[in-house]
Amino acid sequence: MNQPLRSEPIPFIDLSAQRRRLGGAIDEAVGRVLDHCQFINGPEVMELEQKLAAFTGAKHVVSCASGTDALIMVLMAKRIGPGDAILCPSFTFSATGESVALTGASPVFVDVDPVSFNMDVASLKRGLLAARNAGLKPKGIIAVDLFGQAADHDSIAVVAEAEGLFVLDDAAQSFGATYKGRRLGGIGNIMTTSFFPAKPLGCYGDGGAIFTDDAVLADILRSIRVHGQGSDKYDNIRLGLTARLDTVQAAVLLQKLTIFEDEIVARNEVAKRYSDSLGNCVTVPHVANGNTSVWAQYTIRLPRGDRDMFAATLKAKGVPTMVYYMKPMHQQTAYRHYPVVDDGLPVSEGLSKDVISLPMHPYLDEAMQTYVISAVQDAVGR
């Protein structure tokens, strides 16, 4: 049923509503930083790391300047370099493969599952053969938890253990989600995340963190994030980066963390309304039994048709959409020369042609969501 057009577009992500909810708490938190002037490694940074550890169950949290830096730091700590291969899904944001390439190693792209959009374990196994055929030595796996839901970590761990590989969980979009009853970050592997403003838990700039139970690895990571510093800051003992999370961003995240669990509940309520209403006209996302999602994106698959026309129709009604991702990594100019599995990546290529994401945030009220649902139904002719 056609509805009257809204006078104002619906926000795809509504950070201003969250700001209103927190009121003056963030201003006061930032004000405290401005008062003590410890803009790097201030007390809020250590407090945030402690609270993130308590939230996830991880023994060690190392905050850093971005989710991409988090990935690079782990790879540097693992001494990844030329001749090494890291297995990655192709249907993901470019930072996943980029971090590998920046170390001089080779990302080897594998396909994803058509339901979860996460790494397909059968394709992962074929990716190992592709790496070796390319003369590379497989060293690790980056398992991305796309759009808010965990990958199949148990199955990936079986492959990794059999092959002697480490697993790095790229949870840039899934911080706060659970896998078989446990928070990501507390399931025993190495996890990284991003606090980019649009993420479910985001700061007011760039930020990231690494989660691990390995005390030795955590110490190395703390060194890498400050130029490879040792006990004497003028005797750097390894190559490193300038990758610290600044104190202002830590202060912002501490305030946002106080409402984060409530926001996860709200995101799941929004996702349920979408799925209940749209499941008969588009392919809605599915969360595996035993998992929860934080719904960084609510991504549907359209029936055969013109995605551009669908997006334009919704835009005309004040409903924004986004496409994640129009090109899988193995088709992007910077990454076309890296190895892929021998039978290709048909699922990744298919998803890039028919997925589209709808507005998703904790402050999408029922009236706004009803409007979005009606616009989608009208656009697909159901």
Protein backbone atom coordinates (compact mmCIF):
# COMPACT_ATOMS: atom_id res chain seq x y z
CA MET A 1 0.00 0.00 0.00
CA ASN A 2 1.38 3.39 -0.98
CA GLN A 3 1.92 5.79 1.93
CA PRO A 4 2.19 9.59 1.90
CA LEU A 5 5.77 10.74 1.45
CA ARG A 6 7.63 11.76 4.58
CA SER A 7 8.61 15.38 4.96
CA GLU A 8 12.12 14.37 6.11
CA PRO A 9 14.26 11.42 4.99
CA ILE A 10 14.75 8.55 7.43
CA PRO A 11 18.35 8.43 8.71
CA PHE A 12 20.29 5.38 7.58
CA ILE A 13 22.21 5.56 10.89
CA ASP A 14 21.03 8.04 13.52
CA LEU A 15 23.94 9.20 15.67
CA SER A 16 22.10 12.38 16.65
CA ALA A 17 19.34 10.39 18.41
CA GLN A 18 21.98 8.55 20.41
CA ARG A 19 23.62 11.87 21.25
CA ARG A 20 20.31 13.21 22.59
CA ARG A 21 19.85 10.09 24.70
CA LEU A 22 23.26 10.48 26.34
CA GLY A 23 22.57 14.14 26.99
CA GLY A 24 25.50 15.99 28.52
CA ALA A 25 27.38 12.85 29.60
CA ILE A 26 29.72 12.89 26.61
CA ASP A 27 30.33 16.63 26.91
CA GLU A 28 31.26 16.15 30.55
CA ALA A 29 33.51 13.17 29.75
CA VAL A 30 35.35 15.09 27.04
CA GLY A 31 35.53 18.09 29.36
CA ARG A 32 37.36 15.99 31.94
CA VAL A 33 39.97 15.12 29.31
CA LEU A 34 40.32 18.79 28.39
CA ASP A 35 40.86 19.55 32.07
CA HIS A 36 43.56 16.95 32.74
CA CYS A 37 45.17 17.39 29.27
CA GLN A 38 46.42 13.78 29.05
CA PHE A 39 45.37 13.47 25.44
CA ILE A 40 47.51 10.39 24.78
CA ASN A 41 47.39 7.43 27.19
CA GLY A 42 45.15 9.28 29.61
CA PRO A 43 43.35 7.39 32.41
CA GLU A 44 40.24 6.88 30.25
CA VAL A 45 42.20 4.67 27.86
CA MET A 46 43.12 2.14 30.56
CA GLU A 47 39.60 2.31 32.02
CA LEU A 48 38.11 1.59 28.60
CA GLU A 49 40.40 -1.39 28.04
CA GLN A 50 39.40 -2.81 31.43
CA LYS A 51 35.70 -2.37 30.72
CA LEU A 52 35.97 -3.86 27.25
CA ALA A 53 37.73 -6.88 28.76
CA ALA A 54 34.96 -7.27 31.33
CA PHE A 55 32.29 -6.93 28.63
CA THR A 56 33.77 -9.62 26.36
CA GLY A 57 35.53 -11.93 28.81
CA ALA A 58 38.89 -11.42 27.09
CA LYS A 59 41.92 -11.42 29.39
CA HIS A 60 43.71 -8.61 27.53
CA VAL A 61 42.48 -5.66 25.47
CA VAL A 62 44.84 -3.42 23.51
CA SER A 63 43.13 -0.31 22.18
CA CYS A 64 44.42 1.31 19.01
CA ALA A 65 43.78 4.00 16.44
CA SER A 66 41.52 2.09 14.01
CA GLY A 67 40.17 -1.30 13.09
CA THR A 68 42.64 -1.45 10.21
CA ASP A 69 45.56 -0.73 12.52
CA ALA A 70 44.28 -3.51 14.78
CA LEU A 71 44.52 -6.03 11.94
CA ILE A 72 47.95 -4.82 10.84
CA MET A 73 49.28 -4.90 14.41
CA VAL A 74 48.28 -8.53 14.86
CA LEU A 75 49.86 -9.52 11.57
CA MET A 76 53.05 -7.66 12.51
CA ALA A 77 53.08 -9.39 15.91
CA LYS A 78 52.78 -12.73 14.10
CA ARG A 79 55.73 -11.75 11.84
CA ILE A 80 53.70 -12.09 8.67
CA GLY A 81 55.55 -10.98 5.54
CA PRO A 82 56.53 -11.74 1.96
CA GLY A 83 55.92 -15.34 0.89
CA ASP A 84 53.19 -15.84 3.49
CA ALA A 85 49.52 -16.35 2.70
CA ILE A 86 46.56 -15.28 4.83
CA LEU A 87 43.18 -16.72 3.86
CA CYS A 88 40.41 -14.07 3.69
CA PRO A 89 36.82 -13.91 2.46
CA SER A 90 36.44 -11.80 -0.67
CA PHE A 91 33.01 -10.45 0.26
CA THR A 92 34.11 -7.96 2.89
CA PHE A 93 35.39 -4.41 3.34
CA SER A 94 38.79 -3.80 1.78
CA ALA A 95 40.61 -3.36 5.13
CA THR A 96 40.62 -7.15 5.60
CA GLY A 97 42.78 -7.90 2.58
CA GLU A 98 44.52 -4.54 2.67
CA SER A 99 46.06 -5.24 6.06
CA VAL A 100 47.57 -8.46 4.72
CA ALA A 101 48.95 -6.82 1.58
CA LEU A 102 50.51 -4.00 3.57
CA THR A 103 52.70 -6.51 5.43
CA GLY A 104 54.03 -7.78 2.11
CA ALA A 105 52.12 -11.05 2.45
CA SER A 106 49.44 -12.25 0.04
CA PRO A 107 45.74 -12.38 0.81
CA VAL A 108 44.21 -15.52 -0.72
CA PHE A 109 40.53 -14.96 -1.34
CA VAL A 110 37.90 -17.58 -0.58
CA ASP A 111 34.15 -17.62 -1.00
CA VAL A 112 31.38 -17.05 1.52
CA ASP A 113 28.22 -18.85 2.53
CA PRO A 114 25.10 -17.54 0.70
CA VAL A 115 23.02 -17.48 3.91
CA SER A 116 25.36 -16.07 6.56
CA PHE A 117 27.57 -14.08 4.12
CA ASN A 118 30.55 -15.31 6.17
CA MET A 119 33.51 -17.49 5.20
CA ASP A 120 32.61 -20.80 3.57
CA VAL A 121 34.70 -23.54 5.17
CA ALA A 122 34.76 -25.75 2.07
CA SER A 123 36.11 -22.82 0.07
CA LEU A 124 38.62 -22.12 2.84
CA LYS A 125 40.04 -25.62 2.43
CA ARG A 126 40.39 -25.10 -1.33
CA GLY A 127 42.03 -21.76 -0.62
CA LEU A 128 44.87 -23.55 1.15
CA LEU A 129 45.57 -25.48 -2.04
CA ALA A 130 45.41 -22.26 -4.09
CA ALA A 131 47.94 -20.65 -1.76
CA ARG A 132 50.38 -23.53 -2.07
CA ASN A 133 49.94 -23.71 -5.84
CA ALA A 134 50.93 -20.03 -5.93
CA GLY A 135 54.13 -20.85 -4.06
CA LEU A 136 52.95 -19.28 -0.80
CA LYS A 137 53.07 -20.58 2.75
CA PRO A 138 49.69 -20.41 4.53
CA LYS A 139 50.15 -18.84 7.96
CA GLY A 140 46.74 -17.66 9.12
CA ILE A 141 43.06 -17.08 8.51
CA ILE A 142 41.13 -13.83 8.88
CA ALA A 143 37.54 -14.81 9.60
CA VAL A 144 35.24 -11.81 9.15
CA ASP A 145 32.00 -11.56 11.15
CA LEU A 146 30.06 -9.70 8.48
CA PHE A 147 27.11 -7.37 9.07
CA GLY A 148 27.00 -8.20 12.80
CA GLN A 149 26.95 -12.02 12.96
CA ALA A 150 29.81 -14.35 13.88
CA ALA A 151 31.41 -16.62 11.33
CA ASP A 152 31.43 -20.41 11.85
CA HIS A 153 34.38 -20.21 14.22
CA ASP A 154 34.34 -23.83 15.40
CA SER A 155 34.59 -25.19 11.85
CA ILE A 156 37.26 -22.64 10.94
CA ALA A 157 39.22 -23.59 14.07
CA VAL A 158 39.23 -27.25 13.03
CA VAL A 159 40.83 -26.34 9.69
CA ALA A 160 43.29 -23.97 11.37
CA GLU A 161 44.39 -26.53 13.94
CA ALA A 162 44.88 -29.23 11.31
CA GLU A 163 47.02 -26.86 9.20
CA GLY A 164 48.91 -25.14 12.04
CA LEU A 165 47.40 -21.71 11.29
CA PHE A 166 46.38 -18.90 13.60
CA VAL A 167 42.89 -17.40 13.35
CA LEU A 168 42.26 -13.67 13.50
CA ASP A 169 38.61 -12.73 13.97
CA ASP A 170 37.84 -9.47 12.15
CA ALA A 171 34.87 -8.34 14.22
CA ALA A 172 34.78 -4.75 12.96
CA GLN A 173 31.03 -5.10 12.37
CA SER A 174 30.11 -7.52 15.14
CA PHE A 175 31.42 -6.24 18.47
CA GLY A 176 28.81 -7.20 21.08
CA ALA A 177 27.53 -10.27 19.21
CA THR A 178 27.63 -13.76 20.69
CA TYR A 179 28.77 -17.09 19.27
CA LYS A 180 27.23 -20.16 20.89
CA GLY A 181 26.46 -18.22 24.06
CA ARG A 182 29.77 -16.38 24.41
CA ARG A 183 30.67 -12.83 23.51
CA LEU A 184 33.01 -12.44 20.57
CA GLY A 185 36.40 -11.56 21.98
CA GLY A 186 36.02 -14.09 24.75
CA ILE A 187 36.03 -17.30 22.74
CA GLY A 188 39.78 -17.91 22.84
CA ASN A 189 40.98 -16.58 19.50
CA ILE A 190 42.45 -13.20 18.57
CA MET A 191 39.78 -10.62 17.76
CA THR A 192 39.97 -7.12 16.38
CA THR A 193 37.24 -4.53 16.12
CA SER A 194 36.61 -1.02 14.86
CA PHE A 195 35.05 1.92 16.66
CA PHE A 196 34.38 3.91 13.47
CA PRO A 197 31.39 6.18 14.18
CA ALA A 198 28.93 4.12 12.10
CA LYS A 199 29.70 0.87 13.94
CA PRO A 200 27.32 -0.47 16.62
CA LEU A 201 29.78 0.81 19.23
CA GLY A 202 31.44 3.81 17.64
CA CYS A 203 33.48 6.77 18.80
CA TYR A 204 33.61 10.28 17.33
CA GLY A 205 36.54 9.56 15.04
CA ASP A 206 38.63 6.50 14.29
CA GLY A 207 39.38 3.85 16.89
CA GLY A 208 39.86 0.13 17.34
CA ALA A 209 40.88 -2.61 19.73
CA ILE A 210 42.44 -6.08 19.89
CA PHE A 211 41.23 -8.82 22.24
CA THR A 212 43.33 -11.82 23.26
CA ASP A 213 43.96 -14.23 26.12
CA ASP A 214 47.67 -14.39 25.24
CA ALA A 215 49.66 -12.17 27.63
CA VAL A 216 52.85 -12.36 25.54
CA LEU A 217 50.99 -11.34 22.38
CA ALA A 218 49.32 -8.46 24.25
CA ASP A 219 52.72 -7.13 25.36
CA ILE A 220 54.03 -7.28 21.80
CA LEU A 221 50.95 -5.45 20.55
CA ARG A 222 51.39 -2.70 23.13
CA SER A 223 54.95 -2.27 21.89
CA ILE A 224 53.93 -2.22 18.22
CA ARG A 225 51.29 0.48 18.76
CA VAL A 226 54.02 2.85 20.04
CA HIS A 227 56.72 2.52 17.36
CA GLY A 228 57.93 -0.86 18.64
CA GLN A 229 58.97 0.68 21.92
CA GLY A 230 60.74 -1.37 24.59
CA SER A 231 61.36 -0.51 28.24
CA ASP A 232 63.37 2.47 27.03
CA LYS A 233 61.28 4.56 24.63
CA TYR A 234 64.43 5.55 22.75
CA ASP A 235 65.43 1.93 22.16
CA ASN A 236 62.75 0.53 19.89
CA ILE A 237 63.04 -3.24 19.89
CA ARG A 238 60.85 -3.99 16.85
CA LEU A 239 59.17 -2.20 13.97
CA GLY A 240 55.97 -0.52 15.02
CA LEU A 241 53.34 2.10 14.28
CA THR A 242 51.78 5.20 15.75
CA ALA A 243 48.53 3.42 16.55
CA ARG A 244 47.28 4.65 19.91
CA LEU A 245 43.64 5.36 20.68
CA ASP A 246 43.47 8.95 21.87
CA THR A 247 41.99 9.77 25.25
CA VAL A 248 39.07 11.83 23.90
CA GLN A 249 37.82 8.83 21.89
CA ALA A 250 38.19 6.57 24.93
CA ALA A 251 36.10 9.02 26.95
CA VAL A 252 33.36 8.96 24.30
CA LEU A 253 33.37 5.16 24.13
CA LEU A 254 33.10 4.82 27.91
CA GLN A 255 29.84 6.77 27.83
CA LYS A 256 28.47 4.88 24.84
CA LEU A 257 29.33 1.56 26.47
CA THR A 258 26.88 2.35 29.30
CA ILE A 259 23.92 2.10 26.88
CA PHE A 260 25.38 -0.43 24.44
CA GLU A 261 23.53 -3.50 25.71
CA ASP A 262 20.21 -1.63 25.54
CA GLU A 263 21.04 -0.62 21.98
CA ILE A 264 21.80 -4.23 21.01
CA VAL A 265 18.33 -5.24 22.25
CA ALA A 266 16.77 -2.42 20.23
CA ARG A 267 18.71 -3.40 17.10
CA ASN A 268 17.40 -6.94 17.39
CA GLU A 269 13.83 -5.68 17.76
CA VAL A 270 14.25 -3.65 14.57
CA ALA A 271 15.71 -6.66 12.75
CA LYS A 272 12.81 -8.88 13.86
CA ARG A 273 10.21 -6.41 12.58
CA TYR A 274 11.97 -6.24 9.23
CA SER A 275 12.26 -10.01 8.92
CA ASP A 276 8.68 -10.70 9.99
CA SER A 277 7.33 -8.22 7.44
CA LEU A 278 9.68 -8.64 4.48
CA GLY A 279 10.38 -12.36 4.42
CA ASN A 280 7.70 -12.97 1.78
CA CYS A 281 9.06 -10.50 -0.77
CA VAL A 282 12.86 -10.41 -0.37
CA THR A 283 15.49 -12.73 1.08
CA VAL A 284 16.02 -11.58 4.64
CA PRO A 285 19.18 -12.28 6.68
CA HIS A 286 19.36 -15.37 8.87
CA VAL A 287 21.14 -15.70 12.21
CA ALA A 288 22.48 -19.19 12.93
CA ASN A 289 21.08 -21.08 15.90
CA GLY A 290 23.05 -20.27 19.04
CA ASN A 291 24.31 -16.95 17.68
CA THR A 292 23.18 -13.37 18.14
CA SER A 293 23.85 -10.43 15.86
CA VAL A 294 24.38 -6.76 16.59
CA TRP A 295 23.01 -5.91 13.13
CA ALA A 296 25.68 -3.49 11.99
CA GLN A 297 23.74 -3.70 8.74
CA TYR A 298 20.37 -5.19 7.83
CA THR A 299 21.16 -6.58 4.40
CA ILE A 300 18.56 -8.16 2.14
CA ARG A 301 18.86 -9.96 -1.18
CA LEU A 302 16.53 -8.73 -3.89
CA PRO A 303 14.65 -10.95 -6.30
CA ARG A 304 15.83 -10.70 -9.88
CA GLY A 305 15.44 -7.12 -10.97
CA ASP A 306 17.08 -3.72 -11.13
CA ARG A 307 18.79 -2.89 -7.83
CA ASP A 308 19.50 0.66 -8.95
CA MET A 309 15.81 1.18 -9.69
CA PHE A 310 14.89 -0.28 -6.31
CA ALA A 311 17.29 2.09 -4.53
CA ALA A 312 16.05 5.07 -6.55
CA THR A 313 12.43 4.23 -5.75
CA LEU A 314 13.18 4.13 -2.02
CA LYS A 315 15.26 7.30 -2.19
CA ALA A 316 12.37 9.15 -3.79
CA LYS A 317 10.31 8.20 -0.74
CA GLY A 318 12.96 9.41 1.71
CA VAL A 319 14.36 5.94 2.49
CA PRO A 320 18.16 5.68 2.10
CA THR A 321 19.90 2.43 1.18
CA MET A 322 23.51 1.32 0.85
CA VAL A 323 25.21 -1.49 -1.04
CA TYR A 324 27.88 -3.47 0.84
CA TYR A 325 29.72 -4.46 -1.36
CA MET A 326 29.40 -3.62 -5.05
CA LYS A 327 32.65 -5.43 -5.84
CA PRO A 328 34.13 -8.32 -3.89
CA MET A 329 37.79 -7.81 -3.10
CA HIS A 330 39.15 -10.18 -5.74
CA GLN A 331 37.55 -8.02 -8.46
CA GLN A 332 38.92 -4.71 -7.18
CA THR A 333 41.80 -3.13 -9.07
CA ALA A 334 44.30 -3.28 -6.20
CA TYR A 335 43.64 -6.96 -5.42
CA ARG A 336 42.94 -8.65 -8.77
CA HIS A 337 46.41 -10.19 -8.93
CA TYR A 338 46.14 -12.08 -5.64
CA PRO A 339 45.21 -15.79 -5.64
CA VAL A 340 41.64 -17.08 -5.44
CA VAL A 341 40.31 -20.61 -5.06
CA ASP A 342 40.46 -22.62 -8.27
CA ASP A 343 36.68 -22.93 -8.70
CA GLY A 344 36.15 -19.18 -8.38
CA LEU A 345 34.02 -17.17 -5.97
CA PRO A 346 30.49 -17.39 -7.40
CA VAL A 347 28.67 -16.60 -4.16
CA SER A 348 30.70 -13.44 -3.50
CA GLU A 349 30.13 -12.31 -7.08
CA GLY A 350 26.41 -13.05 -6.88
CA LEU A 351 25.95 -11.23 -3.58
CA SER A 352 27.66 -8.14 -4.95
CA LYS A 353 24.91 -7.92 -7.58
CA ASP A 354 21.79 -8.37 -5.46
CA VAL A 355 22.38 -7.28 -1.83
CA ILE A 356 21.21 -3.96 -0.45
CA SER A 357 21.07 -2.66 3.11
CA LEU A 358 18.14 -0.87 4.75
CA PRO A 359 18.22 1.75 7.52
CA MET A 360 19.34 0.12 10.78
CA HIS A 361 19.95 1.72 14.15
CA PRO A 362 18.57 1.44 17.69
CA TYR A 363 16.43 4.57 17.32
CA LEU A 364 14.40 3.45 14.30
CA ASP A 365 10.93 3.65 15.84
CA GLU A 366 7.99 1.52 14.70
CA ALA A 367 6.41 4.30 12.64
CA MET A 368 9.63 4.91 10.70
CA GLN A 369 10.16 1.20 10.24
CA THR A 370 6.60 0.64 9.04
CA TYR A 371 7.23 3.33 6.43
CA VAL A 372 10.47 1.61 5.30
CA ILE A 373 8.75 -1.78 5.11
CA SER A 374 5.90 -0.37 3.03
CA ALA A 375 8.37 1.33 0.69
CA VAL A 376 10.27 -1.93 0.16
CA GLN A 377 7.07 -3.88 -0.46
CA ASP A 378 5.89 -1.32 -3.00
CA ALA A 379 9.27 -1.27 -4.73
CA VAL A 380 9.32 -5.04 -5.27
CA GLY A 381 5.63 -5.17 -6.21
CA ARG A 382 4.33 -7.20 -3.29
